[in-house]
N, C-alpha and C. Protein backbone atom coordinates (compact mmCIF):
# COMPACT_ATOMS: atom_id res chain seq x y z
N MET A 1 9.50 5.58 13.10
CA MET A 1 10.84 5.11 12.85
C MET A 1 11.12 4.99 11.34
N HIS A 2 10.17 4.44 10.59
CA HIS A 2 10.33 4.26 9.14
C HIS A 2 9.44 5.21 8.35
N GLN A 3 9.05 6.30 8.94
CA GLN A 3 8.11 7.22 8.30
C GLN A 3 8.63 7.73 6.96
N THR A 4 9.87 8.18 6.90
CA THR A 4 10.43 8.71 5.65
C THR A 4 10.43 7.65 4.56
N ILE A 5 10.81 6.43 4.91
CA ILE A 5 10.83 5.33 3.95
C ILE A 5 9.42 5.03 3.46
N ALA A 6 8.47 5.00 4.38
CA ALA A 6 7.08 4.68 4.03
C ALA A 6 6.47 5.74 3.12
N LEU A 7 6.68 7.00 3.44
CA LEU A 7 6.08 8.06 2.63
C LEU A 7 6.68 8.10 1.23
N LYS A 8 7.98 7.88 1.12
CA LYS A 8 8.60 7.82 -0.21
C LYS A 8 8.09 6.60 -0.98
N TYR A 9 7.95 5.49 -0.30
CA TYR A 9 7.45 4.27 -0.92
C TYR A 9 6.04 4.51 -1.49
N LEU A 10 5.17 5.12 -0.71
CA LEU A 10 3.80 5.38 -1.17
C LEU A 10 3.78 6.36 -2.34
N GLN A 11 4.63 7.38 -2.31
CA GLN A 11 4.70 8.33 -3.42
C GLN A 11 5.19 7.63 -4.68
N ASP A 12 6.23 6.82 -4.56
CA ASP A 12 6.77 6.09 -5.72
C ASP A 12 5.74 5.10 -6.26
N LEU A 13 5.02 4.45 -5.37
CA LEU A 13 3.97 3.52 -5.79
C LEU A 13 2.88 4.25 -6.56
N CYS A 14 2.51 5.41 -6.08
CA CYS A 14 1.50 6.22 -6.78
C CYS A 14 1.99 6.58 -8.18
N ASP A 15 3.23 7.01 -8.28
CA ASP A 15 3.79 7.39 -9.59
C ASP A 15 3.73 6.22 -10.56
N THR A 16 3.97 5.01 -10.06
CA THR A 16 3.94 3.82 -10.91
C THR A 16 2.51 3.44 -11.29
N LEU A 17 1.61 3.47 -10.32
CA LEU A 17 0.24 3.01 -10.55
C LEU A 17 -0.60 3.95 -11.40
N GLU A 18 -0.30 5.25 -11.34
CA GLU A 18 -1.14 6.20 -12.06
C GLU A 18 -1.06 6.05 -13.57
N ASN A 19 -0.12 5.23 -14.06
CA ASN A 19 -0.07 4.92 -15.49
C ASN A 19 -1.23 4.03 -15.90
N ASN A 20 -1.77 3.24 -14.96
CA ASN A 20 -2.84 2.29 -15.28
C ASN A 20 -4.17 2.59 -14.60
N TRP A 21 -4.13 3.24 -13.44
CA TRP A 21 -5.34 3.52 -12.69
C TRP A 21 -5.31 4.95 -12.17
N ASP A 22 -6.45 5.41 -11.71
CA ASP A 22 -6.55 6.73 -11.10
C ASP A 22 -6.00 6.61 -9.68
N ALA A 23 -4.78 7.08 -9.48
CA ALA A 23 -4.12 7.00 -8.18
C ALA A 23 -3.80 8.40 -7.70
N ASP A 24 -4.06 8.65 -6.41
CA ASP A 24 -3.81 9.97 -5.84
C ASP A 24 -3.13 9.81 -4.48
N TYR A 25 -1.99 10.48 -4.33
CA TYR A 25 -1.25 10.43 -3.07
C TYR A 25 -1.31 11.79 -2.39
N THR A 26 -1.76 11.79 -1.14
CA THR A 26 -1.85 13.03 -0.37
C THR A 26 -1.53 12.74 1.09
N GLU A 27 -0.52 13.41 1.61
CA GLU A 27 -0.20 13.39 3.03
C GLU A 27 -0.19 11.99 3.65
N GLY A 28 0.55 11.08 3.05
CA GLY A 28 0.70 9.75 3.62
C GLY A 28 -0.38 8.75 3.27
N ALA A 29 -1.32 9.15 2.41
CA ALA A 29 -2.40 8.24 2.02
C ALA A 29 -2.45 8.13 0.49
N LEU A 30 -2.51 6.92 0.01
CA LEU A 30 -2.60 6.63 -1.41
C LEU A 30 -3.96 6.01 -1.69
N LEU A 31 -4.74 6.68 -2.53
CA LEU A 31 -6.07 6.20 -2.90
C LEU A 31 -6.04 5.79 -4.36
N ILE A 32 -6.46 4.56 -4.63
CA ILE A 32 -6.49 4.03 -5.99
C ILE A 32 -7.94 3.74 -6.35
N GLN A 33 -8.42 4.39 -7.40
CA GLN A 33 -9.76 4.13 -7.92
C GLN A 33 -9.63 3.01 -8.94
N HIS A 34 -10.36 1.95 -8.72
CA HIS A 34 -10.23 0.74 -9.54
C HIS A 34 -11.64 0.23 -9.85
N PRO A 35 -11.84 -0.48 -10.96
CA PRO A 35 -13.17 -1.03 -11.25
C PRO A 35 -13.72 -1.92 -10.13
N LYS A 36 -12.84 -2.55 -9.34
CA LYS A 36 -13.29 -3.39 -8.23
C LYS A 36 -13.65 -2.59 -6.99
N GLY A 37 -13.28 -1.31 -6.97
CA GLY A 37 -13.55 -0.44 -5.82
C GLY A 37 -12.32 0.37 -5.47
N GLN A 38 -12.34 0.99 -4.30
CA GLN A 38 -11.23 1.83 -3.86
C GLN A 38 -10.24 1.04 -3.00
N PHE A 39 -8.99 1.21 -3.33
CA PHE A 39 -7.90 0.68 -2.52
C PHE A 39 -7.30 1.85 -1.78
N LEU A 40 -7.04 1.69 -0.51
CA LEU A 40 -6.44 2.75 0.29
C LEU A 40 -5.21 2.19 1.00
N LEU A 41 -4.09 2.87 0.82
CA LEU A 41 -2.87 2.55 1.55
C LEU A 41 -2.49 3.79 2.34
N ASN A 42 -2.13 3.60 3.60
CA ASN A 42 -1.66 4.74 4.37
C ASN A 42 -0.65 4.30 5.41
N TYR A 43 0.20 5.26 5.78
CA TYR A 43 1.20 5.00 6.80
C TYR A 43 0.58 5.27 8.16
N HIS A 44 0.66 4.29 9.04
CA HIS A 44 0.14 4.42 10.39
C HIS A 44 1.35 4.58 11.32
N GLY A 45 1.61 5.83 11.69
CA GLY A 45 2.82 6.16 12.45
C GLY A 45 2.92 5.49 13.79
N THR A 46 1.83 5.39 14.51
CA THR A 46 1.85 4.79 15.83
C THR A 46 2.35 3.35 15.79
N MET A 47 1.92 2.62 14.78
CA MET A 47 2.33 1.21 14.64
C MET A 47 3.56 1.06 13.73
N ASP A 48 3.97 2.15 13.07
CA ASP A 48 5.09 2.13 12.14
C ASP A 48 4.85 1.09 11.05
N GLN A 49 3.64 1.16 10.47
CA GLN A 49 3.23 0.20 9.45
C GLN A 49 2.52 0.92 8.30
N ILE A 50 2.49 0.25 7.16
CA ILE A 50 1.62 0.67 6.06
C ILE A 50 0.41 -0.24 6.10
N TRP A 51 -0.74 0.37 6.08
CA TRP A 51 -2.00 -0.38 6.11
C TRP A 51 -2.63 -0.32 4.73
N LEU A 52 -3.18 -1.45 4.30
CA LEU A 52 -3.87 -1.56 3.02
C LEU A 52 -5.31 -1.98 3.28
N SER A 53 -6.23 -1.23 2.71
CA SER A 53 -7.63 -1.61 2.70
C SER A 53 -7.97 -1.96 1.26
N SER A 54 -8.29 -3.23 1.02
CA SER A 54 -8.54 -3.73 -0.33
C SER A 54 -9.98 -4.23 -0.44
N PRO A 55 -10.69 -3.82 -1.51
CA PRO A 55 -12.04 -4.35 -1.71
C PRO A 55 -12.03 -5.83 -2.11
N VAL A 56 -10.86 -6.35 -2.42
CA VAL A 56 -10.74 -7.74 -2.86
C VAL A 56 -10.43 -8.68 -1.68
N THR A 57 -9.42 -8.34 -0.89
CA THR A 57 -8.99 -9.23 0.18
C THR A 57 -9.09 -8.64 1.58
N GLY A 58 -9.60 -7.43 1.71
CA GLY A 58 -9.80 -6.84 3.03
C GLY A 58 -8.59 -6.07 3.53
N ALA A 59 -8.41 -6.08 4.85
CA ALA A 59 -7.38 -5.28 5.50
C ALA A 59 -6.08 -6.05 5.69
N HIS A 60 -4.97 -5.35 5.50
CA HIS A 60 -3.64 -5.91 5.69
C HIS A 60 -2.78 -4.86 6.38
N HIS A 61 -1.84 -5.32 7.20
CA HIS A 61 -0.86 -4.44 7.85
C HIS A 61 0.52 -4.93 7.45
N PHE A 62 1.40 -3.99 7.09
CA PHE A 62 2.74 -4.33 6.62
C PHE A 62 3.79 -3.62 7.46
N SER A 63 4.77 -4.38 7.93
CA SER A 63 5.90 -3.83 8.67
C SER A 63 7.14 -3.86 7.78
N TYR A 64 8.03 -2.92 8.04
CA TYR A 64 9.23 -2.80 7.22
C TYR A 64 10.33 -3.71 7.73
N LEU A 65 10.80 -4.56 6.83
CA LEU A 65 11.97 -5.39 7.09
C LEU A 65 12.86 -5.21 5.86
N TYR A 66 13.90 -4.42 6.02
CA TYR A 66 14.73 -4.00 4.90
C TYR A 66 14.97 -5.14 3.92
N PRO A 67 14.72 -4.94 2.67
CA PRO A 67 14.25 -3.74 1.99
C PRO A 67 12.77 -3.81 1.60
N LYS A 68 11.96 -4.58 2.34
CA LYS A 68 10.58 -4.84 1.91
C LYS A 68 9.57 -4.51 3.00
N TRP A 69 8.34 -4.28 2.57
CA TRP A 69 7.20 -4.16 3.47
C TRP A 69 6.49 -5.51 3.47
N LEU A 70 6.46 -6.18 4.63
CA LEU A 70 5.92 -7.53 4.73
C LEU A 70 4.65 -7.56 5.58
N CYS A 71 3.67 -8.36 5.12
CA CYS A 71 2.41 -8.52 5.85
C CYS A 71 2.69 -9.11 7.23
N THR A 72 2.08 -8.54 8.24
CA THR A 72 2.31 -9.00 9.60
C THR A 72 1.72 -10.39 9.86
N ARG A 73 0.77 -10.83 9.02
CA ARG A 73 0.16 -12.15 9.20
C ARG A 73 0.77 -13.21 8.30
N THR A 74 0.92 -12.87 7.02
CA THR A 74 1.33 -13.88 6.03
C THR A 74 2.78 -13.76 5.59
N LYS A 75 3.43 -12.65 5.90
CA LYS A 75 4.81 -12.36 5.49
C LYS A 75 4.94 -12.14 3.98
N ARG A 76 3.82 -11.98 3.29
CA ARG A 76 3.87 -11.67 1.85
C ARG A 76 4.23 -10.20 1.68
N GLU A 77 4.91 -9.88 0.58
CA GLU A 77 5.30 -8.51 0.30
C GLU A 77 4.09 -7.68 -0.10
N LEU A 78 4.09 -6.42 0.31
CA LEU A 78 3.00 -5.51 -0.01
C LEU A 78 2.77 -5.45 -1.52
N GLU A 79 3.85 -5.32 -2.28
CA GLU A 79 3.70 -5.21 -3.73
C GLU A 79 3.02 -6.44 -4.33
N HIS A 80 3.31 -7.62 -3.81
CA HIS A 80 2.70 -8.85 -4.33
C HIS A 80 1.21 -8.89 -4.00
N VAL A 81 0.86 -8.53 -2.78
CA VAL A 81 -0.56 -8.52 -2.38
C VAL A 81 -1.33 -7.51 -3.22
N LEU A 82 -0.78 -6.31 -3.36
CA LEU A 82 -1.48 -5.27 -4.11
C LEU A 82 -1.60 -5.66 -5.58
N ARG A 83 -0.53 -6.15 -6.16
CA ARG A 83 -0.55 -6.55 -7.59
C ARG A 83 -1.59 -7.64 -7.82
N GLN A 84 -1.63 -8.62 -6.94
CA GLN A 84 -2.60 -9.72 -7.08
C GLN A 84 -4.03 -9.18 -6.96
N ASP A 85 -4.29 -8.31 -6.01
CA ASP A 85 -5.63 -7.75 -5.82
C ASP A 85 -6.04 -6.87 -7.00
N LEU A 86 -5.14 -6.07 -7.52
CA LEU A 86 -5.47 -5.19 -8.64
C LEU A 86 -5.73 -5.98 -9.92
N ASN A 87 -5.10 -7.11 -10.05
CA ASN A 87 -5.23 -7.91 -11.28
C ASN A 87 -6.18 -9.09 -11.13
N ALA A 88 -6.79 -9.24 -9.96
CA ALA A 88 -7.71 -10.38 -9.73
C ALA A 88 -8.98 -10.24 -10.53
């Protein structure tokens, strides 16, 4: 349902992050190489969510609630979780 929005979001996020870290976006998956380890974000079509695997805080699932991607457990925005983990 939100596939187009999710894929554009991940591409835009990659464009922003690659200024500071090694970020690579391919076919719905964004891989960030970071001194703390690898961060992986991908769109999971079946659940219509963006999933984040973080070496800092573990796994998170985000659902789209216009205009934000919100964690299904904590309701925190994806950008806030990712920014905090990358800068921790």
